[in-house]
Protein backbone atom coordinates (compact mmCIF):
# COMPACT_ATOMS: atom_id res chain seq x y z
CA MET A 1 17.14 126.81 149.49
CA LYS A 2 19.87 128.16 151.74
CA THR A 3 22.76 126.51 153.54
CA ALA A 4 22.01 126.25 157.27
CA LEU A 5 24.47 127.79 159.74
CA ILE A 6 24.12 126.30 163.20
CA THR A 7 25.86 127.97 166.14
CA HIS A 8 25.25 129.34 169.64
CA ASP A 9 26.79 132.02 171.86
CA ASP A 10 27.38 129.37 174.53
CA CYS A 11 30.21 128.09 172.34
CA LEU A 12 31.98 131.39 173.05
CA ASN A 13 31.89 130.64 176.77
CA HIS A 14 34.32 127.73 176.52
CA ILE A 15 37.40 129.59 177.73
CA THR A 16 40.89 128.14 177.47
CA PRO A 17 44.06 129.32 179.25
CA PRO A 18 45.95 132.32 177.82
CA GLY A 19 47.99 131.36 174.78
CA HIS A 20 45.98 128.22 174.09
CA PRO A 21 45.45 127.75 170.32
CA GLU A 22 41.82 126.62 170.65
CA GLN A 23 40.64 130.06 171.71
CA VAL A 24 37.35 131.95 171.71
CA ALA A 25 38.66 134.24 168.97
CA ARG A 26 38.52 131.34 166.49
CA LEU A 27 34.72 131.26 166.55
CA GLU A 28 34.41 135.03 166.84
CA ARG A 29 36.40 135.50 163.62
CA ILE A 30 34.42 132.80 161.83
CA LEU A 31 31.06 134.31 162.76
CA GLU A 32 32.29 137.75 161.72
CA VAL A 33 33.34 136.68 158.20
CA LEU A 34 30.12 134.70 157.72
CA LYS A 35 27.89 137.70 158.53
CA PRO A 36 27.59 138.90 154.91
CA LEU A 37 26.53 135.48 153.61
CA ASP A 38 22.88 134.67 152.98
CA LEU A 39 22.45 131.67 155.26
CA ASN A 40 19.65 130.07 157.23
CA ARG A 41 20.87 130.88 160.76
CA ILE A 42 19.77 128.41 163.42
CA SER A 43 20.48 128.19 167.14
CA ALA A 44 22.26 125.06 168.31
CA PRO A 45 20.26 123.16 170.94
CA LEU A 46 21.74 121.28 173.86
CA ALA A 47 22.36 117.61 173.15
CA ALA A 48 20.51 115.24 175.44
CA ASP A 49 22.38 112.64 177.46
CA ASP A 50 20.45 109.96 175.57
CA ASP A 51 22.00 111.33 172.38
CA LEU A 52 25.51 111.30 173.82
CA LEU A 53 25.03 107.72 174.99
CA ARG A 54 25.03 106.62 171.35
CA VAL A 55 28.81 106.97 171.40
CA HIS A 56 29.91 107.65 174.99
CA PRO A 57 29.20 105.67 178.19
CA LYS A 58 27.54 107.37 181.12
CA SER A 59 30.87 107.26 182.97
CA HIS A 60 32.40 109.62 180.40
CA ILE A 61 29.58 112.14 180.76
CA ASN A 62 29.77 111.94 184.55
CA ALA A 63 33.55 112.38 184.52
CA LEU A 64 33.23 115.62 182.55
CA ARG A 65 30.52 116.88 184.87
CA ASP A 66 32.71 116.12 187.85
CA ALA A 67 35.70 117.83 186.22
CA ALA A 68 33.84 121.04 185.27
CA PRO A 69 35.17 123.85 187.48
CA GLU A 70 33.11 126.54 189.17
CA ALA A 71 35.92 129.02 188.51
CA GLY A 72 39.25 129.07 186.72
CA PHE A 73 40.38 126.08 184.67
CA ALA A 74 40.39 122.31 185.05
CA ALA A 75 43.05 120.42 183.10
CA ILE A 76 41.71 117.22 181.57
CA ASP A 77 45.17 116.60 180.10
CA GLY A 78 48.08 118.75 179.01
CA ASP A 79 46.16 120.11 176.02
CA THR A 80 42.51 119.92 177.05
CA HIS A 81 40.96 122.30 179.56
CA MET A 82 37.55 123.14 180.93
CA SER A 83 36.27 126.46 182.23
CA PRO A 84 32.91 127.08 183.93
CA GLY A 85 31.21 127.43 180.51
CA SER A 86 32.89 124.50 178.80
CA LEU A 87 30.40 121.73 179.55
CA GLN A 88 27.45 123.80 178.33
CA ALA A 89 29.43 124.67 175.20
CA ALA A 90 30.21 120.99 174.59
CA TYR A 91 26.53 120.11 174.86
CA ARG A 92 25.77 122.90 172.35
CA ALA A 93 28.51 121.70 170.00
CA ALA A 94 27.16 118.15 170.00
CA GLY A 95 23.59 119.41 169.78
CA GLY A 96 24.49 121.72 166.92
CA VAL A 97 25.76 118.83 164.82
CA LEU A 98 22.63 116.82 165.64
CA ARG A 99 20.45 119.78 164.63
CA ALA A 100 22.37 120.08 161.38
CA ILE A 101 21.74 116.39 160.67
CA ASP A 102 18.03 116.82 161.41
CA ILE A 103 17.67 119.89 159.20
CA VAL A 104 19.35 118.29 156.21
CA LEU A 105 17.64 114.91 156.50
CA GLN A 106 14.23 116.53 157.00
CA GLY A 107 14.75 118.51 153.79
CA ASP A 108 14.77 121.94 155.44
CA ALA A 109 18.21 122.71 153.98
CA PRO A 110 20.30 120.85 151.39
CA ASN A 111 23.46 121.21 153.46
CA ALA A 112 24.65 122.75 156.73
CA PHE A 113 27.70 124.05 158.56
CA ALA A 114 27.95 123.74 162.34
CA ALA A 115 30.15 126.58 163.61
CA VAL A 116 30.63 125.17 167.09
CA ARG A 117 33.33 124.57 169.67
CA PRO A 118 34.84 122.73 171.47
CA PRO A 119 35.73 120.50 168.51
CA GLY A 120 35.13 116.77 168.71
CA HIS A 121 37.15 114.47 166.48
CA HIS A 122 39.79 113.57 169.10
CA ALA A 123 37.33 112.59 171.85
CA GLU A 124 37.47 108.81 172.23
CA THR A 125 34.84 106.58 173.81
CA GLN A 126 35.87 107.31 177.39
CA THR A 127 38.63 109.90 176.93
CA ALA A 128 38.43 113.65 176.36
CA MET A 129 41.61 114.80 174.63
CA GLY A 130 43.08 117.04 171.96
CA PHE A 131 40.83 120.01 172.87
CA CYS A 132 37.75 117.75 172.44
CA LEU A 133 35.14 116.64 174.98
CA PHE A 134 32.41 114.85 172.99
CA GLY A 135 32.71 113.12 169.60
CA ASN A 136 30.44 115.53 167.72
CA VAL A 137 30.72 114.12 164.19
CA ALA A 138 30.65 110.46 165.23
CA LEU A 139 27.58 111.29 167.28
CA GLY A 140 26.02 112.90 164.21
CA ALA A 141 26.72 109.81 162.13
CA LYS A 142 25.12 107.51 164.71
CA HIS A 143 22.14 109.87 164.97
CA ALA A 144 21.63 109.72 161.21
CA LEU A 145 21.85 105.93 161.26
CA ASP A 146 19.93 105.08 164.42
CA PHE A 147 17.39 107.91 164.70
CA HIS A 148 16.79 108.73 161.04
CA GLY A 149 17.23 105.17 159.82
CA LEU A 150 19.85 105.74 157.15
CA LYS A 151 21.71 102.66 155.96
CA ARG A 152 25.05 104.26 155.02
CA VAL A 153 26.83 107.45 156.12
CA ALA A 154 30.27 108.61 154.99
CA VAL A 155 32.47 110.73 157.27
CA VAL A 156 35.34 112.68 155.70
CA ASP A 157 37.86 114.30 158.06
CA PHE A 158 40.41 116.63 156.46
CA ASP A 159 41.79 118.13 159.67
CA VAL A 160 45.60 118.03 159.73
CA HIS A 161 45.55 115.90 162.91
CA HIS A 162 44.21 112.37 162.75
CA GLY A 163 40.61 112.00 163.91
CA ASN A 164 41.46 109.28 166.40
CA GLY A 165 38.26 109.85 168.34
CA THR A 166 35.95 109.52 165.35
CA GLN A 167 37.88 106.43 164.28
CA ASP A 168 37.50 104.93 167.77
CA LEU A 169 33.80 105.72 168.03
CA LEU A 170 32.94 104.36 164.57
CA TRP A 171 35.50 101.53 164.41
CA ASP A 172 32.88 98.79 164.73
CA GLU A 173 30.11 100.58 162.82
CA PRO A 174 29.83 98.95 159.37
CA ARG A 175 27.17 101.45 158.29
CA ALA A 176 29.70 104.30 158.55
CA LEU A 177 32.63 104.77 156.18
CA THR A 178 35.26 106.93 157.90
CA ILE A 179 37.88 108.54 155.67
CA THR A 180 40.50 110.69 157.33
CA SER A 181 43.56 112.40 155.90
CA GLN A 182 46.27 113.69 158.22
CA GLN A 183 49.87 114.70 158.43
CA MET A 184 52.04 111.81 159.58
CA PRO A 185 54.07 111.85 161.72
CA LEU A 186 52.14 114.26 163.93
CA TRP A 187 50.17 114.17 167.18
CA PRO A 188 48.22 112.02 168.15
CA GLY A 189 50.36 109.43 166.37
CA THR A 190 47.51 107.33 165.01
CA GLY A 191 46.16 107.16 161.47
CA ALA A 192 48.32 104.60 159.70
CA GLU A 193 46.99 102.95 156.56
CA SER A 194 46.91 99.65 158.48
CA GLU A 195 44.15 100.99 160.75
CA THR A 196 41.13 99.84 158.77
CA GLY A 197 38.29 99.42 161.26
CA GLY A 198 36.34 96.39 162.36
CA PHE A 199 34.70 95.98 158.95
CA ASP A 200 37.23 97.60 156.59
CA ASN A 201 35.17 100.73 157.13
CA VAL A 202 38.06 103.06 158.08
CA ILE A 203 40.33 104.56 155.43
CA ASN A 204 43.40 106.47 156.59
CA ILE A 205 45.35 108.70 154.22
CA PRO A 206 48.68 109.75 155.81
CA LEU A 207 50.28 112.80 154.19
CA SER A 208 53.95 113.67 154.56
CA PRO A 209 55.10 116.82 156.38
CA ASP A 210 55.87 119.65 153.96
CA SER A 211 53.70 118.12 151.26
CA ASN A 212 51.18 120.42 149.64
CA GLY A 213 47.72 120.63 148.10
CA THR A 214 48.85 118.85 144.96
CA ALA A 215 49.69 115.76 147.00
CA MET A 216 46.39 116.02 148.85
CA ARG A 217 44.37 116.27 145.63
CA ALA A 218 46.11 113.24 144.14
CA ALA A 219 45.51 111.18 147.30
CA TYR A 220 41.82 112.05 147.47
CA GLU A 221 41.31 111.30 143.77
CA ARG A 222 43.16 108.00 144.07
CA ILE A 223 41.81 106.75 147.40
CA ALA A 224 38.99 108.73 148.99
CA PHE A 225 36.63 109.53 146.15
CA PRO A 226 36.48 105.99 144.71
CA LYS A 227 35.79 104.60 148.20
CA ILE A 228 32.95 107.07 148.73
CA LYS A 229 31.44 106.28 145.32
CA ALA A 230 31.57 102.54 145.98
CA PHE A 231 30.03 102.96 149.44
CA LYS A 232 27.07 105.00 148.09
CA PRO A 233 26.34 106.98 151.26
CA GLU A 234 22.97 108.56 151.93
CA LEU A 235 24.66 111.44 153.74
CA ILE A 236 28.19 112.88 153.84
CA ILE A 237 29.48 114.43 157.07
CA ILE A 238 32.67 116.50 157.06
CA SER A 239 35.00 117.02 159.98
CA ALA A 240 36.16 120.40 158.71
CA GLY A 241 39.53 121.24 160.22
CA PHE A 242 41.48 123.99 158.50
CA ASP A 243 44.86 123.47 160.18
CA ALA A 244 46.41 121.90 157.09
CA HIS A 245 46.70 125.51 155.84
CA GLN A 246 50.23 126.62 155.06
CA ASP A 247 49.97 129.41 157.67
CA ASP A 248 48.82 127.21 160.54
CA PRO A 249 51.27 127.08 163.47
CA LEU A 250 50.57 123.52 164.67
CA ALA A 251 51.50 121.44 161.61
CA GLN A 252 53.51 121.33 158.41
CA LEU A 253 51.14 120.72 155.53
CA ASN A 254 51.05 123.47 152.95
CA TRP A 255 47.48 123.66 151.71
CA SER A 256 46.11 126.94 150.42
CA THR A 257 42.60 128.30 150.79
CA GLU A 258 42.05 127.23 147.18
CA ASP A 259 42.84 123.64 148.18
CA PHE A 260 39.99 123.74 150.70
CA VAL A 261 37.77 125.20 147.98
CA TRP A 262 38.67 122.35 145.62
CA LEU A 263 38.07 119.67 148.25
CA THR A 264 34.74 121.19 149.30
CA LYS A 265 33.61 121.35 145.67
CA GLN A 266 34.52 117.69 145.13
CA LEU A 267 32.64 116.56 148.25
CA CYS A 268 29.60 118.62 147.30
CA ALA A 269 29.66 117.08 143.83
CA LEU A 270 29.78 113.60 145.36
CA ALA A 271 26.88 114.49 147.64
CA ASN A 272 24.89 115.68 144.63
CA ASP A 273 25.62 112.49 142.71
CA LEU A 274 25.12 110.03 145.57
CA CYS A 275 22.81 111.44 148.24
CA GLU A 276 20.66 114.25 146.84
CA GLY A 277 23.19 116.86 147.94
CA ARG A 278 22.83 116.00 151.61
CA LEU A 279 25.97 117.11 153.40
CA VAL A 280 26.75 118.35 156.91
CA SER A 281 30.04 120.01 157.82
CA ALA A 282 31.24 120.62 161.39
CA LEU A 283 34.12 122.79 162.53
CA GLU A 284 37.21 121.08 163.94
CA GLY A 285 40.70 122.66 163.97
CA GLY A 286 42.42 125.67 162.43
CA TYR A 287 44.58 127.95 164.57
CA ASP A 288 45.89 130.80 162.45
CA LEU A 289 42.99 133.22 162.75
CA ASN A 290 43.37 134.82 159.33
CA ALA A 291 43.81 131.52 157.51
CA LEU A 292 40.95 129.97 159.46
CA ALA A 293 38.56 132.81 158.69
CA ALA A 294 39.41 132.88 154.99
CA SER A 295 39.19 129.09 154.63
CA VAL A 296 35.90 128.75 156.50
CA LYS A 297 34.34 131.59 154.50
CA ALA A 298 35.41 129.94 151.25
CA HIS A 299 34.17 126.53 152.48
CA VAL A 300 30.73 127.90 153.37
CA GLU A 301 30.50 129.88 150.14
CA ILE A 302 30.96 126.62 148.20
CA LEU A 303 28.28 124.96 150.35
CA SER A 304 25.97 127.87 149.54
CA GLU A 305 26.63 127.55 145.82
CA ALA A 306 25.87 123.83 146.00
CA ALA A 307 22.64 124.55 147.84
CA GLN A 308 21.19 126.59 144.96
């Protein structure tokens, strides 16, 4: 079977102001480097409001609808903007992750990568922030639990910025283990080891600025992997941010593309051992276009190898 690639051209219609790091070119470059790969290519549907209500109140959805501009840009905060195509793109991004969950849990693909934007892991319950409008991965976890009836889902977020939104949305969800590594100190300022969730279901792994892939590998082997094994998830979901790369302009971790390869291989191996290979990965950050393209291509190639 083939790895599923879920995306939609609507995600290219989320336009950000000139010079903004979360730009259309990110997804364009990703889709270009993935063209040669033998993947099961699937169109991302629009999420339904009933789906979004698993993690966001109606007031949040309404606020984004009200903020969506007919022309130009609307500033949600200093970092987060909407253009006329942004809301549709956000519904596709959330829907793409949901479709990926469905495909994998229905047995139509062993694993999947959702190449969607805007990203989601900073969107809190009632707050769009950090380039994110809806909590895509947290929504996917709740969909797997509530709609598909899974008992345990593990979320692993290796974006360089702390996934404060995913943590917020899954804080009181004992069926979800949320593991997130991040540079600290760094925006948004959350992600301390003391933040452990309502049921000791949140594991934060702060990494020091100017540390490298060796430090990351040691931390995951010491903390993350044993926690995942003990939790015995029925599905692993990855918040796949590639801004810990040494060439990324927004942070100071020094991972190489090979570090993302290693981490992807380890997570695929855990999925094979614990949950019949079932794994869904969703795009988050990564802002150096060359590093992003190379890292995503390597990430998806490892998913494809694991799918064989």
